[in-house]
Amino acid sequence: MGDHSDRNDRQRALADFGDFVLDHDDLDEILTEGCRLVAAALGADLAKIMEIERGSNTAIVRAGVGWHDGVIGRARVDLNDRSSEAYAIEESEPVITNDISDESRFVFPRFLRDHGVVALVNVPILVVLVDPWRAYHSIPIETERNFSRPAPVMQMSRQIMPCRRQLKIAARLYALSM
């Protein structure tokens, strides 16, 4: 029963975040709310979103919850070969570190240790900066098709409808990031 309840809680949090995105114009508020929801879902005191800085090999803490003053908008991480953040981006997968004091692959930024961080998960958010509505075009078909039977078309539209909400959220985030 716990797994089912946990899954429902995560789905509710995701839906709440989608509603938040659609109702707000400030990208920093949206990113901070995302951090708050992730931290709550994981039972963590801290969460952050790093933004890769153009023209450099660094990322800045763009948003977060639980951090001391002076971290959000100021703390930077070098994205070198000893960075867990860079490794997560390169692998396009989450990177888990159970104990940063025992981890030999990576060097961790001082602000993490200053906050008492012991374990962490770096999850890359890979964003393709293209207009998300481009993904929602009709597909030209070069052969004749019989669409007179509405049942398959209606079934397909019911499957696509939840995607429309996701596309609206993606379009909103895209517009705010420009």
N, C-alpha and C. Protein backbone atom coordinates (compact mmCIF):
# COMPACT_ATOMS: atom_id res chain seq x y z
N MET A 1 0.83 -1.20 0.00
CA MET A 1 0.00 0.00 0.00
C MET A 1 0.86 1.25 0.00
N GLY A 2 2.01 1.23 0.68
CA GLY A 2 2.89 2.38 0.76
C GLY A 2 3.39 2.82 -0.60
N ASP A 3 3.77 1.88 -1.46
CA ASP A 3 4.27 2.22 -2.79
C ASP A 3 3.20 2.94 -3.60
N HIS A 4 1.96 2.46 -3.51
CA HIS A 4 0.86 3.07 -4.25
C HIS A 4 0.61 4.49 -3.74
N SER A 5 0.62 4.67 -2.43
CA SER A 5 0.40 5.98 -1.82
C SER A 5 1.54 6.93 -2.18
N ASP A 6 2.78 6.44 -2.14
CA ASP A 6 3.94 7.27 -2.51
C ASP A 6 3.85 7.71 -3.95
N ARG A 7 3.46 6.80 -4.84
CA ARG A 7 3.34 7.13 -6.26
C ARG A 7 2.25 8.19 -6.45
N ASN A 8 1.14 8.04 -5.76
CA ASN A 8 0.08 9.03 -5.85
C ASN A 8 0.54 10.40 -5.35
N ASP A 9 1.30 10.40 -4.25
CA ASP A 9 1.83 11.65 -3.71
C ASP A 9 2.76 12.32 -4.72
N ARG A 10 3.62 11.54 -5.38
CA ARG A 10 4.54 12.10 -6.38
C ARG A 10 3.76 12.64 -7.58
N GLN A 11 2.73 11.92 -8.02
CA GLN A 11 1.93 12.38 -9.14
C GLN A 11 1.17 13.66 -8.78
N ARG A 12 0.68 13.73 -7.56
CA ARG A 12 -0.01 14.94 -7.10
C ARG A 12 0.95 16.12 -7.06
N ALA A 13 2.18 15.89 -6.56
CA ALA A 13 3.18 16.96 -6.51
C ALA A 13 3.52 17.44 -7.92
N LEU A 14 3.64 16.51 -8.85
CA LEU A 14 3.94 16.88 -10.23
C LEU A 14 2.79 17.68 -10.84
N ALA A 15 1.58 17.27 -10.58
CA ALA A 15 0.41 18.01 -11.08
C ALA A 15 0.36 19.40 -10.45
N ASP A 16 0.63 19.48 -9.15
CA ASP A 16 0.64 20.78 -8.47
C ASP A 16 1.71 21.69 -9.08
N PHE A 17 2.86 21.12 -9.41
CA PHE A 17 3.91 21.92 -10.02
C PHE A 17 3.46 22.41 -11.40
N GLY A 18 2.82 21.56 -12.17
CA GLY A 18 2.30 21.98 -13.46
C GLY A 18 1.33 23.14 -13.33
N ASP A 19 0.43 23.06 -12.35
CA ASP A 19 -0.51 24.16 -12.11
C ASP A 19 0.25 25.43 -11.74
N PHE A 20 1.28 25.30 -10.90
CA PHE A 20 2.08 26.45 -10.48
C PHE A 20 2.73 27.11 -11.69
N VAL A 21 3.31 26.29 -12.57
CA VAL A 21 3.97 26.81 -13.77
C VAL A 21 2.98 27.60 -14.62
N LEU A 22 1.80 27.06 -14.80
CA LEU A 22 0.81 27.72 -15.65
C LEU A 22 0.27 29.00 -15.03
N ASP A 23 0.34 29.12 -13.70
CA ASP A 23 -0.23 30.28 -13.00
C ASP A 23 0.78 31.37 -12.66
N HIS A 24 2.07 31.15 -12.93
CA HIS A 24 3.09 32.11 -12.53
C HIS A 24 3.94 32.56 -13.71
N ASP A 25 4.42 33.80 -13.62
CA ASP A 25 5.22 34.38 -14.69
C ASP A 25 6.70 34.45 -14.37
N ASP A 26 7.07 34.32 -13.13
CA ASP A 26 8.46 34.51 -12.72
C ASP A 26 9.19 33.17 -12.72
N LEU A 27 10.16 33.03 -13.63
CA LEU A 27 10.89 31.76 -13.76
C LEU A 27 11.62 31.40 -12.47
N ASP A 28 12.18 32.39 -11.77
CA ASP A 28 12.87 32.09 -10.51
C ASP A 28 11.90 31.52 -9.47
N GLU A 29 10.69 32.06 -9.40
CA GLU A 29 9.67 31.50 -8.49
C GLU A 29 9.33 30.07 -8.88
N ILE A 30 9.23 29.82 -10.17
CA ILE A 30 8.89 28.47 -10.66
C ILE A 30 9.99 27.49 -10.31
N LEU A 31 11.23 27.88 -10.54
CA LEU A 31 12.36 26.99 -10.23
C LEU A 31 12.46 26.74 -8.73
N THR A 32 12.24 27.77 -7.93
CA THR A 32 12.28 27.61 -6.47
C THR A 32 11.17 26.68 -6.00
N GLU A 33 9.98 26.81 -6.58
CA GLU A 33 8.88 25.91 -6.21
C GLU A 33 9.22 24.47 -6.59
N GLY A 34 9.84 24.28 -7.75
CA GLY A 34 10.29 22.94 -8.15
C GLY A 34 11.26 22.37 -7.11
N CYS A 35 12.19 23.19 -6.66
CA CYS A 35 13.14 22.74 -5.62
C CYS A 35 12.41 22.38 -4.33
N ARG A 36 11.44 23.21 -3.95
CA ARG A 36 10.69 22.94 -2.71
C ARG A 36 9.95 21.62 -2.80
N LEU A 37 9.32 21.36 -3.93
CA LEU A 37 8.57 20.12 -4.10
C LEU A 37 9.48 18.90 -4.12
N VAL A 38 10.64 19.01 -4.77
CA VAL A 38 11.59 17.89 -4.80
C VAL A 38 12.12 17.62 -3.40
N ALA A 39 12.51 18.68 -2.69
CA ALA A 39 13.01 18.50 -1.33
C ALA A 39 11.96 17.84 -0.44
N ALA A 40 10.73 18.29 -0.55
CA ALA A 40 9.65 17.70 0.26
C ALA A 40 9.44 16.23 -0.10
N ALA A 41 9.45 15.93 -1.39
CA ALA A 41 9.22 14.55 -1.82
C ALA A 41 10.33 13.61 -1.35
N LEU A 42 11.56 14.13 -1.28
CA LEU A 42 12.70 13.30 -0.87
C LEU A 42 13.00 13.38 0.62
N GLY A 43 12.27 14.25 1.33
CA GLY A 43 12.55 14.43 2.75
C GLY A 43 13.91 15.07 2.98
N ALA A 44 14.29 15.98 2.10
CA ALA A 44 15.60 16.64 2.18
C ALA A 44 15.43 18.08 2.65
N ASP A 45 16.47 18.61 3.28
CA ASP A 45 16.46 19.99 3.73
C ASP A 45 16.92 20.95 2.63
N LEU A 46 17.66 20.44 1.67
CA LEU A 46 18.26 21.27 0.63
C LEU A 46 17.92 20.74 -0.76
N ALA A 47 17.76 21.66 -1.69
CA ALA A 47 17.63 21.31 -3.10
C ALA A 47 18.09 22.53 -3.89
N LYS A 48 18.65 22.29 -5.07
CA LYS A 48 19.12 23.40 -5.89
C LYS A 48 18.98 23.07 -7.36
N ILE A 49 18.91 24.12 -8.15
CA ILE A 49 18.98 24.00 -9.60
C ILE A 49 20.18 24.82 -10.04
N MET A 50 21.08 24.16 -10.76
CA MET A 50 22.27 24.82 -11.29
C MET A 50 22.00 25.18 -12.75
N GLU A 51 22.49 26.34 -13.15
CA GLU A 51 22.37 26.76 -14.55
C GLU A 51 23.78 26.90 -15.12
N ILE A 52 24.01 26.25 -16.25
CA ILE A 52 25.30 26.35 -16.91
C ILE A 52 25.44 27.76 -17.45
N GLU A 53 26.56 28.39 -17.13
CA GLU A 53 26.79 29.75 -17.60
C GLU A 53 27.39 29.71 -19.00
N ARG A 54 26.76 30.45 -19.89
CA ARG A 54 27.23 30.49 -21.28
C ARG A 54 28.63 31.07 -21.35
N GLY A 55 29.44 30.46 -22.20
CA GLY A 55 30.78 30.98 -22.43
C GLY A 55 31.78 30.67 -21.34
N SER A 56 31.39 29.81 -20.40
CA SER A 56 32.34 29.43 -19.35
C SER A 56 32.15 27.95 -19.03
N ASN A 57 33.00 27.44 -18.21
CA ASN A 57 32.92 26.04 -17.80
C ASN A 57 32.44 25.97 -16.35
N THR A 58 31.43 26.80 -16.06
CA THR A 58 30.89 26.85 -14.69
C THR A 58 29.37 26.78 -14.72
N ALA A 59 28.82 26.47 -13.56
CA ALA A 59 27.37 26.51 -13.35
C ALA A 59 27.13 27.30 -12.08
N ILE A 60 26.05 28.06 -12.07
CA ILE A 60 25.70 28.88 -10.92
C ILE A 60 24.42 28.30 -10.28
N VAL A 61 24.31 28.43 -8.97
CA VAL A 61 23.09 28.02 -8.28
C VAL A 61 22.00 29.02 -8.67
N ARG A 62 21.09 28.61 -9.51
CA ARG A 62 20.04 29.51 -10.04
C ARG A 62 18.87 29.62 -9.07
N ALA A 63 18.51 28.51 -8.43
CA ALA A 63 17.38 28.50 -7.50
C ALA A 63 17.63 27.42 -6.47
N GLY A 64 16.92 27.50 -5.36
CA GLY A 64 17.07 26.46 -4.36
C GLY A 64 16.27 26.76 -3.11
N VAL A 65 16.27 25.78 -2.22
CA VAL A 65 15.64 25.93 -0.91
C VAL A 65 16.59 25.38 0.15
N GLY A 66 16.57 26.04 1.32
CA GLY A 66 17.35 25.58 2.46
C GLY A 66 18.78 26.12 2.54
N TRP A 67 19.20 26.89 1.56
CA TRP A 67 20.59 27.38 1.51
C TRP A 67 20.74 28.69 2.28
N HIS A 68 21.92 28.92 2.85
CA HIS A 68 22.23 30.18 3.53
C HIS A 68 22.22 31.32 2.51
N ASP A 69 22.06 32.53 3.02
CA ASP A 69 22.16 33.71 2.16
C ASP A 69 23.52 33.70 1.45
N GLY A 70 23.51 34.13 0.22
CA GLY A 70 24.75 34.22 -0.54
C GLY A 70 25.04 33.02 -1.42
N VAL A 71 24.22 31.98 -1.35
CA VAL A 71 24.45 30.80 -2.20
C VAL A 71 23.67 30.94 -3.51
N ILE A 72 22.36 31.18 -3.40
CA ILE A 72 21.53 31.28 -4.61
C ILE A 72 21.92 32.54 -5.37
N GLY A 73 22.24 32.34 -6.64
CA GLY A 73 22.64 33.44 -7.49
C GLY A 73 24.10 33.82 -7.41
N ARG A 74 24.86 33.16 -6.51
CA ARG A 74 26.27 33.51 -6.36
C ARG A 74 27.21 32.30 -6.40
N ALA A 75 26.83 31.22 -5.74
CA ALA A 75 27.73 30.06 -5.66
C ALA A 75 27.87 29.42 -7.04
N ARG A 76 29.12 29.09 -7.36
CA ARG A 76 29.42 28.50 -8.67
C ARG A 76 30.15 27.18 -8.49
N VAL A 77 30.02 26.34 -9.52
CA VAL A 77 30.71 25.05 -9.55
C VAL A 77 31.48 24.98 -10.86
N ASP A 78 32.74 24.59 -10.77
CA ASP A 78 33.52 24.33 -11.99
C ASP A 78 33.03 23.02 -12.60
N LEU A 79 32.75 23.05 -13.87
CA LEU A 79 32.28 21.84 -14.55
C LEU A 79 33.48 21.14 -15.21
N ASN A 80 34.40 20.74 -14.37
CA ASN A 80 35.59 20.04 -14.87
C ASN A 80 35.42 18.53 -14.71
N ASP A 81 36.46 17.79 -15.03
CA ASP A 81 36.36 16.32 -15.00
C ASP A 81 36.25 15.74 -13.59
N ARG A 82 36.40 16.54 -12.55
CA ARG A 82 36.24 16.07 -11.17
C ARG A 82 34.92 16.53 -10.56
N SER A 83 34.05 17.08 -11.38
CA SER A 83 32.77 17.61 -10.91
C SER A 83 31.67 16.56 -11.08
N SER A 84 30.93 16.30 -9.99
CA SER A 84 29.82 15.35 -10.10
C SER A 84 28.71 15.92 -10.97
N GLU A 85 28.56 17.24 -10.97
CA GLU A 85 27.56 17.87 -11.83
C GLU A 85 27.90 17.65 -13.31
N ALA A 86 29.17 17.88 -13.67
CA ALA A 86 29.59 17.69 -15.06
C ALA A 86 29.45 16.22 -15.47
N TYR A 87 29.76 15.32 -14.55
CA TYR A 87 29.64 13.89 -14.85
C TYR A 87 28.18 13.51 -15.10
N ALA A 88 27.27 14.05 -14.29
CA ALA A 88 25.84 13.77 -14.48
C ALA A 88 25.37 14.29 -15.85
N ILE A 89 25.83 15.46 -16.22
CA ILE A 89 25.46 16.03 -17.53
C ILE A 89 26.02 15.17 -18.65
N GLU A 90 27.29 14.79 -18.52
CA GLU A 90 27.94 13.98 -19.56
C GLU A 90 27.24 12.63 -19.74
N GLU A 91 26.85 12.00 -18.64
CA GLU A 91 26.21 10.69 -18.69
C GLU A 91 24.71 10.79 -18.96
N SER A 92 24.14 11.98 -18.82
CA SER A 92 22.69 12.20 -18.97
C SER A 92 21.89 11.30 -18.04
N GLU A 93 22.41 11.10 -16.85
CA GLU A 93 21.76 10.26 -15.84
C GLU A 93 22.03 10.83 -14.45
N PRO A 94 21.16 10.54 -13.50
CA PRO A 94 21.44 10.95 -12.13
C PRO A 94 22.72 10.31 -11.60
N VAL A 95 23.45 11.06 -10.80
CA VAL A 95 24.66 10.56 -10.15
C VAL A 95 24.43 10.64 -8.65
N ILE A 96 24.53 9.50 -7.99
CA ILE A 96 24.29 9.41 -6.55
C ILE A 96 25.63 9.32 -5.83
N THR A 97 25.77 10.13 -4.79
CA THR A 97 26.93 10.05 -3.91
C THR A 97 26.40 9.83 -2.50
N ASN A 98 26.67 8.66 -1.96
CA ASN A 98 26.14 8.31 -0.64
C ASN A 98 26.87 8.99 0.51
N ASP A 99 28.15 9.30 0.33
CA ASP A 99 28.93 9.97 1.37
C ASP A 99 30.03 10.76 0.68
N ILE A 100 29.93 12.08 0.68
CA ILE A 100 30.91 12.88 -0.05
C ILE A 100 32.30 12.79 0.56
N SER A 101 32.39 12.43 1.83
CA SER A 101 33.72 12.30 2.45
C SER A 101 34.44 11.04 2.00
N ASP A 102 33.68 10.03 1.51
CA ASP A 102 34.29 8.80 1.03
C ASP A 102 34.39 8.75 -0.50
N GLU A 103 33.87 9.73 -1.18
CA GLU A 103 33.84 9.73 -2.65
C GLU A 103 35.19 10.19 -3.21
N SER A 104 35.79 9.35 -4.02
CA SER A 104 37.10 9.69 -4.59
C SER A 104 37.02 10.16 -6.05
N ARG A 105 35.88 9.96 -6.69
CA ARG A 105 35.76 10.37 -8.10
C ARG A 105 35.63 11.88 -8.26
N PHE A 106 35.05 12.54 -7.29
CA PHE A 106 34.67 13.94 -7.45
C PHE A 106 35.26 14.82 -6.36
N VAL A 107 35.37 16.10 -6.71
CA VAL A 107 35.70 17.15 -5.74
C VAL A 107 34.43 17.98 -5.59
N PHE A 108 34.00 18.19 -4.36
CA PHE A 108 32.73 18.87 -4.12
C PHE A 108 32.98 20.31 -3.69
N PRO A 109 32.11 21.23 -4.12
CA PRO A 109 32.29 22.64 -3.77
C PRO A 109 32.14 22.87 -2.27
N ARG A 110 32.84 23.86 -1.79
CA ARG A 110 32.86 24.17 -0.36
C ARG A 110 31.47 24.45 0.20
N PHE A 111 30.62 25.12 -0.58
CA PHE A 111 29.30 25.48 -0.03
C PHE A 111 28.49 24.25 0.35
N LEU A 112 28.73 23.10 -0.28
CA LEU A 112 28.03 21.87 0.12
C LEU A 112 28.48 21.44 1.52
N ARG A 113 29.79 21.42 1.73
CA ARG A 113 30.31 21.03 3.06
C ARG A 113 29.90 22.05 4.14
N ASP A 114 29.88 23.34 3.76
CA ASP A 114 29.47 24.38 4.71
C ASP A 114 28.03 24.19 5.18
N HIS A 115 27.22 23.52 4.39
CA HIS A 115 25.83 23.25 4.74
C HIS A 115 25.64 21.86 5.36
N GLY A 116 26.72 21.15 5.60
CA GLY A 116 26.63 19.84 6.23
C GLY A 116 26.14 18.74 5.31
N VAL A 117 26.26 18.94 4.00
CA VAL A 117 25.81 17.92 3.06
C VAL A 117 26.68 16.68 3.20
N VAL A 118 26.06 15.53 3.34
CA VAL A 118 26.75 14.26 3.43
C VAL A 118 26.54 13.46 2.15
N ALA A 119 25.31 13.40 1.69
CA ALA A 119 24.96 12.62 0.51
C ALA A 119 24.22 13.54 -0.46
N LEU A 120 24.29 13.20 -1.75
CA LEU A 120 23.57 14.01 -2.73
C LEU A 120 23.27 13.21 -3.98
N VAL A 121 22.33 13.74 -4.73
CA VAL A 121 21.98 13.20 -6.03
C VAL A 121 21.99 14.37 -7.00
N ASN A 122 22.78 14.25 -8.06
CA ASN A 122 22.77 15.25 -9.13
C ASN A 122 21.95 14.68 -10.28
N VAL A 123 20.88 15.38 -10.61
CA VAL A 123 20.00 14.94 -11.70
C VAL A 123 20.05 16.00 -12.79
N PRO A 124 20.60 15.64 -13.95
CA PRO A 124 20.66 16.65 -15.02
C PRO A 124 19.27 16.93 -15.58
N ILE A 125 18.99 18.21 -15.76
CA ILE A 125 17.75 18.63 -16.42
C ILE A 125 18.20 19.10 -17.80
N LEU A 126 18.06 18.23 -18.76
CA LEU A 126 18.54 18.53 -20.10
C LEU A 126 17.44 19.21 -20.88
N VAL A 127 17.65 20.45 -21.20
CA VAL A 127 16.65 21.27 -21.86
C VAL A 127 17.14 21.58 -23.27
N VAL A 128 16.31 21.26 -24.23
CA VAL A 128 16.59 21.63 -25.61
C VAL A 128 15.86 22.94 -25.86
N LEU A 129 16.60 23.99 -26.15
CA LEU A 129 15.97 25.29 -26.33
C LEU A 129 15.44 25.46 -27.74
N VAL A 130 14.34 24.79 -27.96
CA VAL A 130 13.57 24.98 -29.18
C VAL A 130 12.14 25.21 -28.75
N ASP A 131 11.38 25.78 -29.60
CA ASP A 131 9.99 26.04 -29.30
C ASP A 131 9.27 24.70 -29.11
N PRO A 132 8.75 24.41 -27.89
CA PRO A 132 8.13 23.11 -27.64
C PRO A 132 6.91 22.84 -28.52
N TRP A 133 6.28 23.89 -29.03
CA TRP A 133 5.10 23.66 -29.88
C TRP A 133 5.49 23.03 -31.20
N ARG A 134 6.73 23.11 -31.60
CA ARG A 134 7.17 22.46 -32.84
C ARG A 134 7.03 20.96 -32.76
N ALA A 135 7.03 20.43 -31.57
CA ALA A 135 6.89 18.98 -31.39
C ALA A 135 5.45 18.53 -31.56
N TYR A 136 4.55 19.46 -31.71
CA TYR A 136 3.13 19.13 -31.73
C TYR A 136 2.52 19.46 -33.09
N HIS A 137 3.20 19.11 -34.14
CA HIS A 137 2.70 19.31 -35.49
C HIS A 137 1.98 18.06 -35.97
N SER A 138 1.13 18.25 -36.96
CA SER A 138 0.56 17.09 -37.63
C SER A 138 1.64 16.47 -38.50
N ILE A 139 1.54 15.19 -38.71
CA ILE A 139 2.54 14.48 -39.50
C ILE A 139 1.96 14.24 -40.88
N PRO A 140 2.62 14.76 -41.93
CA PRO A 140 2.09 14.51 -43.27
C PRO A 140 2.21 13.03 -43.63
N ILE A 141 1.18 12.52 -44.23
CA ILE A 141 1.15 11.12 -44.63
C ILE A 141 1.10 11.07 -46.14
N GLU A 142 2.02 10.33 -46.72
CA GLU A 142 2.14 10.32 -48.17
C GLU A 142 1.25 9.29 -48.85
N THR A 143 0.56 8.48 -48.07
CA THR A 143 -0.35 7.51 -48.67
C THR A 143 -1.76 7.79 -48.16
N GLU A 144 -2.71 7.41 -48.92
CA GLU A 144 -4.11 7.64 -48.56
C GLU A 144 -4.46 6.81 -47.34
N ARG A 145 -5.22 7.40 -46.41
CA ARG A 145 -5.67 6.70 -45.21
C ARG A 145 -7.17 6.87 -45.06
N ASN A 146 -7.82 5.89 -44.49
CA ASN A 146 -9.24 5.97 -44.23
C ASN A 146 -9.45 6.35 -42.77
N PHE A 147 -9.82 7.61 -42.53
CA PHE A 147 -10.08 8.07 -41.19
C PHE A 147 -11.57 8.14 -40.90
N SER A 148 -12.36 7.39 -41.69
CA SER A 148 -13.81 7.43 -41.49
C SER A 148 -14.24 6.67 -40.24
N ARG A 149 -13.37 5.79 -39.74
CA ARG A 149 -13.71 5.06 -38.51
C ARG A 149 -13.24 5.89 -37.32
N PRO A 150 -14.14 6.52 -36.57
CA PRO A 150 -13.72 7.45 -35.53
C PRO A 150 -13.12 6.78 -34.29
N ALA A 151 -13.42 5.52 -34.03
CA ALA A 151 -12.96 4.90 -32.77
C ALA A 151 -11.45 4.96 -32.59
N PRO A 152 -10.61 4.53 -33.57
CA PRO A 152 -9.17 4.60 -33.35
C PRO A 152 -8.67 6.03 -33.20
N VAL A 153 -9.26 6.96 -33.94
CA VAL A 153 -8.83 8.35 -33.85
C VAL A 153 -9.19 8.90 -32.47
N MET A 154 -10.36 8.60 -31.97
CA MET A 154 -10.77 9.07 -30.65
C MET A 154 -9.90 8.46 -29.56
N GLN A 155 -9.58 7.18 -29.71
CA GLN A 155 -8.72 6.54 -28.72
C GLN A 155 -7.36 7.22 -28.71
N MET A 156 -6.82 7.52 -29.88
CA MET A 156 -5.52 8.18 -29.97
C MET A 156 -5.60 9.58 -29.36
N SER A 157 -6.69 10.30 -29.60
CA SER A 157 -6.80 11.65 -29.06
C SER A 157 -6.87 11.63 -27.54
N ARG A 158 -7.52 10.61 -26.95
CA ARG A 158 -7.55 10.49 -25.49
C ARG A 158 -6.16 10.26 -24.93
N GLN A 159 -5.30 9.57 -25.68
CA GLN A 159 -3.93 9.34 -25.24
C GLN A 159 -3.11 10.60 -25.38
N ILE A 160 -3.42 11.44 -26.37
CA ILE A 160 -2.64 12.65 -26.61
C ILE A 160 -3.05 13.78 -25.66
N MET A 161 -4.29 13.83 -25.23
CA MET A 161 -4.76 14.94 -24.42
C MET A 161 -3.89 15.26 -23.22
N PRO A 162 -3.44 14.27 -22.42
CA PRO A 162 -2.56 14.62 -21.30
C PRO A 162 -1.26 15.27 -21.78
N CYS A 163 -0.82 14.94 -22.98
CA CYS A 163 0.40 15.54 -23.53
C CYS A 163 0.21 17.02 -23.80
N ARG A 164 -1.01 17.43 -24.13
CA ARG A 164 -1.27 18.85 -24.39
C ARG A 164 -0.94 19.68 -23.16
N ARG A 165 -1.31 19.19 -21.98
CA ARG A 165 -0.99 19.91 -20.74
C ARG A 165 0.51 20.01 -20.56
N GLN A 166 1.22 18.92 -20.80
CA GLN A 166 2.68 18.94 -20.68
C GLN A 166 3.29 19.92 -21.68
N LEU A 167 2.76 19.97 -22.88
CA LEU A 167 3.26 20.91 -23.87
C LEU A 167 2.98 22.35 -23.47
N LYS A 168 1.81 22.61 -22.87
CA LYS A 168 1.52 23.95 -22.40
C LYS A 168 2.51 24.36 -21.31
N ILE A 169 2.83 23.43 -20.41
CA ILE A 169 3.79 23.72 -19.35
C ILE A 169 5.17 23.96 -19.95
N ALA A 170 5.58 23.12 -20.90
CA ALA A 170 6.88 23.29 -21.55
C ALA A 170 6.94 24.61 -22.30
N ALA A 171 5.85 24.97 -22.99
CA ALA A 171 5.82 26.23 -23.72
C ALA A 171 5.93 27.41 -22.76
N ARG A 172 5.29 27.29 -21.62
CA ARG A 172 5.34 28.36 -20.62
C ARG A 172 6.76 28.54 -20.10
N LEU A 173 7.42 27.44 -19.75
CA LEU A 173 8.79 27.51 -19.27
C LEU A 173 9.72 28.04 -20.35
N TYR A 174 9.50 27.62 -21.58
CA TYR A 174 10.32 28.09 -22.71
C TYR A 174 10.17 29.60 -22.85
N ALA A 175 8.94 30.09 -22.83
CA ALA A 175 8.71 31.52 -23.01
C ALA A 175 9.35 32.32 -21.88
N LEU A 176 9.28 31.82 -20.66
CA LEU A 176 9.86 32.53 -19.52
C LEU A 176 11.38 32.51 -19.56
N SER A 177 11.96 31.52 -20.20
CA SER A 177 13.43 31.43 -20.21
C SER A 177 14.06 32.30 -21.30
N MET A 178 13.26 32.81 -22.20
CA MET A 178 13.80 33.60 -23.31
C MET A 178 14.00 35.05 -22.91
